[in-house]
Amino acid sequence: MKVTVDSARCQGHAVCARLAPQIFVLDSDGYNRMGSFTVDPSHVDVVRRAVALCPERAIRIDDPNSSPKVV
């Protein structure tokens, strides 16, 4: 699954990093600047949760068959 973080929208709430620190990495100022990346299938559920809970809607799944759902 491909994921994209819109760094212009990220406001440093760090919800993604608290939910999945093994996936989402913040910069030294606490912002997610990861851009686009591929997520291992074993992490799909936690990424979907991070997408759904991001207060700024800065994270999106670029797979048209995936929809973010709070698990």
N, C-alpha and C. Protein backbone atom coordinates (compact mmCIF):
# COMPACT_ATOMS: atom_id res chain seq x y z
N MET A 1 0.84 -1.16 0.00
CA MET A 1 0.00 0.00 0.00
C MET A 1 0.90 1.23 0.00
N LYS A 2 0.58 2.18 -0.86
CA LYS A 2 1.34 3.43 -0.92
C LYS A 2 0.63 4.49 -0.07
N VAL A 3 1.42 5.21 0.71
CA VAL A 3 0.92 6.25 1.61
C VAL A 3 1.64 7.55 1.30
N THR A 4 0.92 8.66 1.38
CA THR A 4 1.53 9.96 1.17
C THR A 4 1.19 10.88 2.34
N VAL A 5 2.21 11.57 2.82
CA VAL A 5 2.03 12.57 3.87
C VAL A 5 2.19 13.95 3.23
N ASP A 6 1.18 14.78 3.39
CA ASP A 6 1.24 16.16 2.90
C ASP A 6 1.91 17.00 3.98
N SER A 7 3.20 17.24 3.82
CA SER A 7 3.95 17.95 4.86
C SER A 7 3.47 19.38 5.07
N ALA A 8 2.84 19.97 4.08
CA ALA A 8 2.30 21.32 4.24
C ALA A 8 1.09 21.33 5.16
N ARG A 9 0.37 20.22 5.23
CA ARG A 9 -0.81 20.14 6.10
C ARG A 9 -0.46 19.69 7.51
N CYS A 10 0.63 18.95 7.67
CA CYS A 10 1.02 18.43 8.98
C CYS A 10 1.28 19.58 9.94
N GLN A 11 0.65 19.51 11.11
CA GLN A 11 0.82 20.55 12.13
C GLN A 11 1.53 20.02 13.38
N GLY A 12 2.07 18.82 13.29
CA GLY A 12 2.87 18.29 14.39
C GLY A 12 2.09 17.74 15.56
N HIS A 13 0.86 17.29 15.35
CA HIS A 13 0.08 16.70 16.44
C HIS A 13 0.66 15.36 16.88
N ALA A 14 1.37 14.69 15.98
CA ALA A 14 2.07 13.42 16.24
C ALA A 14 1.16 12.24 16.54
N VAL A 15 -0.09 12.32 16.14
CA VAL A 15 -0.99 11.19 16.33
C VAL A 15 -0.46 9.97 15.58
N CYS A 16 0.00 10.18 14.36
CA CYS A 16 0.51 9.07 13.55
C CYS A 16 1.70 8.38 14.23
N ALA A 17 2.61 9.17 14.73
CA ALA A 17 3.81 8.61 15.36
C ALA A 17 3.48 7.90 16.67
N ARG A 18 2.47 8.37 17.39
CA ARG A 18 2.07 7.67 18.62
C ARG A 18 1.39 6.35 18.29
N LEU A 19 0.61 6.32 17.22
CA LEU A 19 -0.07 5.07 16.82
C LEU A 19 0.89 4.06 16.21
N ALA A 20 1.82 4.55 15.42
CA ALA A 20 2.71 3.64 14.69
C ALA A 20 4.12 4.21 14.58
N PRO A 21 4.85 4.23 15.69
CA PRO A 21 6.20 4.79 15.66
C PRO A 21 7.16 4.03 14.76
N GLN A 22 6.85 2.78 14.47
CA GLN A 22 7.69 1.98 13.58
C GLN A 22 7.50 2.37 12.12
N ILE A 23 6.45 3.15 11.83
CA ILE A 23 6.15 3.55 10.46
C ILE A 23 6.34 5.04 10.24
N PHE A 24 5.75 5.85 11.11
CA PHE A 24 5.78 7.30 10.94
C PHE A 24 6.91 7.93 11.74
N VAL A 25 7.77 8.62 11.04
CA VAL A 25 8.94 9.25 11.66
C VAL A 25 8.77 10.76 11.58
N LEU A 26 8.99 11.43 12.71
CA LEU A 26 8.87 12.88 12.76
C LEU A 26 10.25 13.51 12.67
N ASP A 27 10.30 14.73 12.15
CA ASP A 27 11.58 15.43 12.09
C ASP A 27 11.90 16.01 13.47
N SER A 28 13.00 16.71 13.59
CA SER A 28 13.44 17.23 14.88
C SER A 28 12.49 18.28 15.45
N ASP A 29 11.63 18.84 14.61
CA ASP A 29 10.64 19.81 15.07
C ASP A 29 9.29 19.17 15.37
N GLY A 30 9.18 17.86 15.18
CA GLY A 30 7.95 17.14 15.50
C GLY A 30 6.95 17.03 14.36
N TYR A 31 7.39 17.29 13.13
CA TYR A 31 6.51 17.23 11.97
C TYR A 31 6.82 16.00 11.13
N ASN A 32 5.78 15.48 10.48
CA ASN A 32 5.93 14.34 9.59
C ASN A 32 6.24 14.87 8.20
N ARG A 33 7.43 14.60 7.70
CA ARG A 33 7.88 15.08 6.39
C ARG A 33 8.25 13.91 5.48
N MET A 34 7.57 12.79 5.64
CA MET A 34 7.97 11.57 4.97
C MET A 34 7.65 11.53 3.47
N GLY A 35 6.72 12.33 2.99
CA GLY A 35 6.35 12.28 1.58
C GLY A 35 5.62 10.98 1.26
N SER A 36 5.93 10.36 0.14
CA SER A 36 5.29 9.11 -0.26
C SER A 36 6.19 7.93 0.08
N PHE A 37 5.56 6.86 0.51
CA PHE A 37 6.29 5.65 0.85
C PHE A 37 5.35 4.45 0.77
N THR A 38 5.93 3.27 0.75
CA THR A 38 5.16 2.03 0.70
C THR A 38 5.15 1.39 2.07
N VAL A 39 3.99 0.87 2.45
CA VAL A 39 3.82 0.25 3.77
C VAL A 39 3.68 -1.25 3.59
N ASP A 40 4.36 -1.98 4.42
CA ASP A 40 4.27 -3.43 4.44
C ASP A 40 2.82 -3.85 4.75
N PRO A 41 2.33 -4.88 4.10
CA PRO A 41 0.96 -5.33 4.34
C PRO A 41 0.63 -5.62 5.81
N SER A 42 1.61 -5.97 6.59
CA SER A 42 1.35 -6.26 8.00
C SER A 42 0.99 -5.02 8.81
N HIS A 43 1.20 -3.84 8.24
CA HIS A 43 0.92 -2.59 8.95
C HIS A 43 -0.30 -1.84 8.41
N VAL A 44 -1.05 -2.46 7.53
CA VAL A 44 -2.18 -1.79 6.88
C VAL A 44 -3.19 -1.25 7.90
N ASP A 45 -3.57 -2.04 8.87
CA ASP A 45 -4.60 -1.61 9.82
C ASP A 45 -4.19 -0.39 10.62
N VAL A 46 -2.97 -0.37 11.11
CA VAL A 46 -2.52 0.76 11.91
C VAL A 46 -2.36 2.02 11.05
N VAL A 47 -1.97 1.86 9.80
CA VAL A 47 -1.87 3.02 8.91
C VAL A 47 -3.26 3.57 8.62
N ARG A 48 -4.20 2.70 8.37
CA ARG A 48 -5.58 3.17 8.16
C ARG A 48 -6.09 3.94 9.37
N ARG A 49 -5.77 3.47 10.53
CA ARG A 49 -6.19 4.17 11.76
C ARG A 49 -5.52 5.54 11.85
N ALA A 50 -4.24 5.61 11.53
CA ALA A 50 -3.53 6.89 11.55
C ALA A 50 -4.13 7.87 10.54
N VAL A 51 -4.48 7.37 9.36
CA VAL A 51 -5.12 8.22 8.35
C VAL A 51 -6.43 8.77 8.89
N ALA A 52 -7.23 7.91 9.46
CA ALA A 52 -8.54 8.32 9.97
C ALA A 52 -8.45 9.29 11.14
N LEU A 53 -7.40 9.17 11.95
CA LEU A 53 -7.30 9.99 13.16
C LEU A 53 -6.43 11.23 13.01
N CYS A 54 -5.79 11.42 11.87
CA CYS A 54 -4.97 12.61 11.67
C CYS A 54 -5.86 13.85 11.69
N PRO A 55 -5.66 14.76 12.65
CA PRO A 55 -6.54 15.93 12.77
C PRO A 55 -6.48 16.87 11.57
N GLU A 56 -5.38 16.87 10.87
CA GLU A 56 -5.22 17.77 9.73
C GLU A 56 -5.48 17.08 8.38
N ARG A 57 -5.80 15.77 8.43
CA ARG A 57 -5.99 14.98 7.21
C ARG A 57 -4.78 15.09 6.29
N ALA A 58 -3.60 15.02 6.90
CA ALA A 58 -2.34 15.17 6.17
C ALA A 58 -1.83 13.86 5.59
N ILE A 59 -2.44 12.75 5.95
CA ILE A 59 -1.98 11.44 5.49
C ILE A 59 -3.06 10.84 4.61
N ARG A 60 -2.65 10.29 3.48
CA ARG A 60 -3.64 9.62 2.64
C ARG A 60 -3.07 8.31 2.11
N ILE A 61 -3.98 7.41 1.86
CA ILE A 61 -3.64 6.13 1.24
C ILE A 61 -3.85 6.31 -0.25
N ASP A 62 -2.84 5.99 -1.04
CA ASP A 62 -2.91 6.17 -2.48
C ASP A 62 -3.37 4.93 -3.21
N ASP A 63 -4.00 4.03 -2.50
CA ASP A 63 -4.53 2.81 -3.10
C ASP A 63 -6.03 3.01 -3.25
N PRO A 64 -6.56 3.08 -4.47
CA PRO A 64 -7.98 3.36 -4.66
C PRO A 64 -8.90 2.31 -4.07
N ASN A 65 -8.39 1.13 -3.77
CA ASN A 65 -9.21 0.07 -3.19
C ASN A 65 -9.23 0.11 -1.68
N SER A 66 -8.50 1.06 -1.08
CA SER A 66 -8.42 1.15 0.37
C SER A 66 -9.21 2.36 0.85
N SER A 67 -9.93 2.17 1.93
CA SER A 67 -10.61 3.30 2.54
C SER A 67 -10.23 3.36 4.01
N PRO A 68 -9.90 4.55 4.51
CA PRO A 68 -9.52 4.65 5.92
C PRO A 68 -10.71 4.39 6.83
N LYS A 69 -10.50 3.54 7.81
CA LYS A 69 -11.54 3.24 8.77
C LYS A 69 -10.91 3.19 10.15
N VAL A 70 -11.63 3.72 11.13
CA VAL A 70 -11.14 3.62 12.50
C VAL A 70 -11.43 2.19 12.97
N VAL A 71 -10.39 1.52 13.42
CA VAL A 71 -10.53 0.13 13.84
C VAL A 71 -10.73 0.06 15.33
